[in-house]
C-alpha atoms as a PDB file:
ATOM      1  CA  UNK A   1      15.776  -1.283   8.181  1.00  0.00           C
ATOM      2  CA  UNK A   2      12.116  -2.127   7.559  1.00  0.00           C
ATOM      3  CA  UNK A   3       9.725   0.778   7.018  1.00  0.00           C
ATOM      4  CA  UNK A   4       5.934   0.405   6.850  1.00  0.00           C
ATOM      5  CA  UNK A   5       4.153   2.652   4.346  1.00  0.00           C
ATOM      6  CA  UNK A   6       0.387   3.063   4.260  1.00  0.00           C
ATOM      7  CA  UNK A   7      -0.864   2.771   0.673  1.00  0.00           C
ATOM      8  CA  UNK A   8      -4.456   3.149  -0.398  1.00  0.00           C
ATOM      9  CA  UNK A   9      -7.538   5.279  -0.277  1.00  0.00           C
ATOM     10  CA  UNK A  10      -8.474   7.707  -3.015  1.00  0.00           C
ATOM     11  CA  UNK A  11      -4.858   8.354  -4.034  1.00  0.00           C
ATOM     12  CA  UNK A  12      -4.156   4.710  -4.832  1.00  0.00           C
ATOM     13  CA  UNK A  13      -7.541   4.328  -6.514  1.00  0.00           C
ATOM     14  CA  UNK A  14      -6.783   7.411  -8.627  1.00  0.00           C
ATOM     15  CA  UNK A  15      -3.373   6.538 -10.026  1.00  0.00           C
ATOM     16  CA  UNK A  16      -1.631   3.940  -7.859  1.00  0.00           C
ATOM     17  CA  UNK A  17       0.375   1.213  -9.531  1.00  0.00           C
ATOM     18  CA  UNK A  18       0.387  -2.461  -8.572  1.00  0.00           C
ATOM     19  CA  UNK A  19       2.948  -3.445  -5.934  1.00  0.00           C
ATOM     20  CA  UNK A  20       4.376  -6.948  -5.548  1.00  0.00           C
ATOM     21  CA  UNK A  21       6.535  -8.680  -2.968  1.00  0.00           C
ATOM     22  CA  UNK A  22      10.266  -8.463  -3.743  1.00  0.00           C
ATOM     23  CA  UNK A  23       9.695  -5.456  -6.029  1.00  0.00           C
ATOM     24  CA  UNK A  24      11.989  -2.427  -5.796  1.00  0.00           C
ATOM     25  CA  UNK A  25       9.932   0.678  -4.976  1.00  0.00           C
ATOM     26  CA  UNK A  26      10.474   4.410  -4.605  1.00  0.00           C
ATOM     27  CA  UNK A  27       7.533   5.912  -2.685  1.00  0.00           C
ATOM     28  CA  UNK A  28       6.871   9.615  -2.084  1.00  0.00           C
ATOM     29  CA  UNK A  29       5.317   9.852   1.357  1.00  0.00           C
ATOM     30  CA  UNK A  30       3.751  12.209   3.839  1.00  0.00           C
ATOM     31  CA  UNK A  31       4.844  11.794   7.469  1.00  0.00           C
ATOM     32  CA  UNK A  32       2.048  12.314  10.004  1.00  0.00           C
ATOM     33  CA  UNK A  33       1.129  11.479  13.581  1.00  0.00           C
ATOM     34  CA  UNK A  34      -1.443   8.700  13.884  1.00  0.00           C
ATOM     35  CA  UNK A  35      -4.274   8.577  16.422  1.00  0.00           C
ATOM     36  CA  UNK A  36      -2.039   6.474  18.673  1.00  0.00           C
ATOM     37  CA  UNK A  37       0.579   9.253  18.721  1.00  0.00           C
ATOM     38  CA  UNK A  38       3.100   7.307  16.631  1.00  0.00           C
ATOM     39  CA  UNK A  39       4.720   8.685  13.481  1.00  0.00           C
ATOM     40  CA  UNK A  40       3.411   7.111  10.267  1.00  0.00           C
ATOM     41  CA  UNK A  41       4.166   7.312   6.546  1.00  0.00           C
ATOM     42  CA  UNK A  42       1.486   7.425   3.856  1.00  0.00           C
ATOM     43  CA  UNK A  43       2.275   7.137   0.162  1.00  0.00           C
ATOM     44  CA  UNK A  44       1.095  10.188  -1.742  1.00  0.00           C
ATOM     45  CA  UNK A  45       1.054  10.969  -5.449  1.00  0.00           C
ATOM     46  CA  UNK A  46      -0.503  14.386  -4.960  1.00  0.00           C
ATOM     47  CA  UNK A  47       0.532  15.559  -1.478  1.00  0.00           C
ATOM     48  CA  UNK A  48      -1.931  16.912   1.031  1.00  0.00           C
ATOM     49  CA  UNK A  49      -3.756  20.218   0.704  1.00  0.00           C
ATOM     50  CA  UNK A  50      -1.120  21.923   2.810  1.00  0.00           C
ATOM     51  CA  UNK A  51       1.486  19.150   3.164  1.00  0.00           C
ATOM     52  CA  UNK A  52       4.071  18.157   0.600  1.00  0.00           C
ATOM     53  CA  UNK A  53       4.969  14.527   0.009  1.00  0.00           C
ATOM     54  CA  UNK A  54       8.636  15.139   0.716  1.00  0.00           C
ATOM     55  CA  UNK A  55       9.714  11.908   2.437  1.00  0.00           C
ATOM     56  CA  UNK A  56      11.151   9.194   0.172  1.00  0.00           C
ATOM     57  CA  UNK A  57      11.114   5.484   0.946  1.00  0.00           C
ATOM     58  CA  UNK A  58      13.247   3.403  -1.418  1.00  0.00           C
ATOM     59  CA  UNK A  59      13.889  -0.306  -1.146  1.00  0.00           C
ATOM     60  CA  UNK A  60      12.545  -3.813  -1.655  1.00  0.00           C
ATOM     61  CA  UNK A  61       9.003  -4.851  -0.673  1.00  0.00           C
ATOM     62  CA  UNK A  62       9.101  -7.632   1.917  1.00  0.00           C
ATOM     63  CA  UNK A  63       5.451  -7.762   2.978  1.00  0.00           C
ATOM     64  CA  UNK A  64       2.015  -6.505   1.895  1.00  0.00           C
ATOM     65  CA  UNK A  65      -1.098  -6.549   4.078  1.00  0.00           C
ATOM     66  CA  UNK A  66      -4.671  -5.439   3.513  1.00  0.00           C
ATOM     67  CA  UNK A  67      -6.214  -3.608   6.470  1.00  0.00           C
ATOM     68  CA  UNK A  68      -9.703  -4.887   7.246  1.00  0.00           C
ATOM     69  CA  UNK A  69     -12.439  -3.201   9.263  1.00  0.00           C
ATOM     70  CA  UNK A  70     -11.383  -2.864  12.871  1.00  0.00           C
ATOM     71  CA  UNK A  71      -7.735  -2.451  11.853  1.00  0.00           C
ATOM     72  CA  UNK A  72      -7.002  -6.164  11.435  1.00  0.00           C
ATOM     73  CA  UNK A  73      -4.213  -6.675   8.870  1.00  0.00           C
ATOM     74  CA  UNK A  74      -4.083  -9.753   6.624  1.00  0.00           C
ATOM     75  CA  UNK A  75      -1.174 -10.732   4.362  1.00  0.00           C
ATOM     76  CA  UNK A  76      -1.781 -10.586   0.597  1.00  0.00           C
ATOM     77  CA  UNK A  77       0.369 -11.681  -2.334  1.00  0.00           C
ATOM     78  CA  UNK A  78       0.220  -8.339  -4.143  1.00  0.00           C
ATOM     79  CA  UNK A  79      -1.450  -4.960  -4.087  1.00  0.00           C
ATOM     80  CA  UNK A  80      -3.402  -4.489  -7.338  1.00  0.00           C
ATOM     81  CA  UNK A  81      -3.317  -1.155  -9.125  1.00  0.00           C
ATOM     82  CA  UNK A  82      -5.943   1.407  -8.213  1.00  0.00           C
ATOM     83  CA  UNK A  83      -7.646   0.903 -11.557  1.00  0.00           C
ATOM     84  CA  UNK A  84      -7.770  -2.872 -10.999  1.00  0.00           C
ATOM     85  CA  UNK A  85      -9.258  -2.421  -7.519  1.00  0.00           C
ATOM     86  CA  UNK A  86     -11.967  -0.259  -9.098  1.00  0.00           C
ATOM     87  CA  UNK A  87     -12.589  -2.848 -11.868  1.00  0.00           C
ATOM     88  CA  UNK A  88     -11.218  -0.723 -14.734  1.00  0.00           C
ATOM     89  CA  UNK A  89      -8.119  -2.741 -15.718  1.00  0.00           C
ATOM     90  CA  UNK A  90      -8.688  -5.338 -18.436  1.00  0.00           C
ATOM     91  CA  UNK A  91      -5.376  -7.099 -17.664  1.00  0.00           C
ATOM     92  CA  UNK A  92      -5.867  -7.328 -13.872  1.00  0.00           C
ATOM     93  CA  UNK A  93      -9.066  -8.385 -12.124  1.00  0.00           C
ATOM     94  CA  UNK A  94      -7.967  -6.709  -8.867  1.00  0.00           C
ATOM     95  CA  UNK A  95      -8.467  -9.779  -6.696  1.00  0.00           C
ATOM     96  CA  UNK A  96      -6.560 -10.269  -3.450  1.00  0.00           C
ATOM     97  CA  UNK A  97      -4.767 -13.553  -2.884  1.00  0.00           C
ATOM     98  CA  UNK A  98      -3.295 -15.301   0.157  1.00  0.00           C
ATOM     99  CA  UNK A  99       0.494 -15.370  -0.376  1.00  0.00           C
ATOM    100  CA  UNK A 100       0.946 -18.935   0.896  1.00  0.00           C
ATOM    101  CA  UNK A 101      -2.166 -20.826  -0.215  1.00  0.00           C
ATOM    102  CA  UNK A 102      -3.211 -18.897  -3.317  1.00  0.00           C
ATOM    103  CA  UNK A 103      -6.763 -18.699  -1.959  1.00  0.00           C
ATOM    104  CA  UNK A 104      -8.791 -15.690  -3.068  1.00  0.00           C
ATOM    105  CA  UNK A 105      -9.523 -13.269  -0.246  1.00  0.00           C
ATOM    106  CA  UNK A 106     -12.524 -11.006   0.085  1.00  0.00           C
ATOM    107  CA  UNK A 107     -11.826  -7.525  -1.196  1.00  0.00           C
ATOM    108  CA  UNK A 108     -13.615  -4.380  -0.146  1.00  0.00           C
ATOM    109  CA  UNK A 109     -10.813  -2.592   1.642  1.00  0.00           C
ATOM    110  CA  UNK A 110      -8.605  -0.071  -0.146  1.00  0.00           C
ATOM    111  CA  UNK A 111      -6.141   0.348   2.724  1.00  0.00           C
ATOM    112  CA  UNK A 112      -2.834  -1.525   2.641  1.00  0.00           C
ATOM    113  CA  UNK A 113       0.419  -1.691   4.607  1.00  0.00           C
ATOM    114  CA  UNK A 114       3.551  -2.197   2.513  1.00  0.00           C
ATOM    115  CA  UNK A 115       6.773  -3.114   4.326  1.00  0.00           C
ATOM    116  CA  UNK A 116       9.878  -1.859   2.539  1.00  0.00           C
ATOM    117  CA  UNK A 117      13.400  -2.958   3.457  1.00  0.00           C
ATOM    118  CA  UNK A 118      15.602   0.108   3.035  1.00  0.00           C
ATOM    119  CA  UNK A 119      19.373   0.465   3.097  1.00  0.00           C
ATOM    120  CA  UNK A 120      19.380   3.034   5.906  1.00  0.00           C
END
């Protein structure tokens, strides 16, 4: 089953690791209801102020998308670490890359959708 996990914002910038396609992941997530009324999962390293990150999503990454202004999602090769996105990682410049052409994509967004294929 494919599960979409929202990754990004201040939590990823703080201490999020890089995520690549085909990588095995084990995310701690918070389940919440989005503005459209649908249930969503957001990766969390710290939990919310009054919500624990008690949902686990384990599996293989099959897709990564950056979410642009207006909610438009665009496929990317990998999600750089939070430090790289902020420009503080000497080994990773934090750039976003098209997965099929290798073209560099404009950055600026810190919101990503990671699709994980789980065994359940």
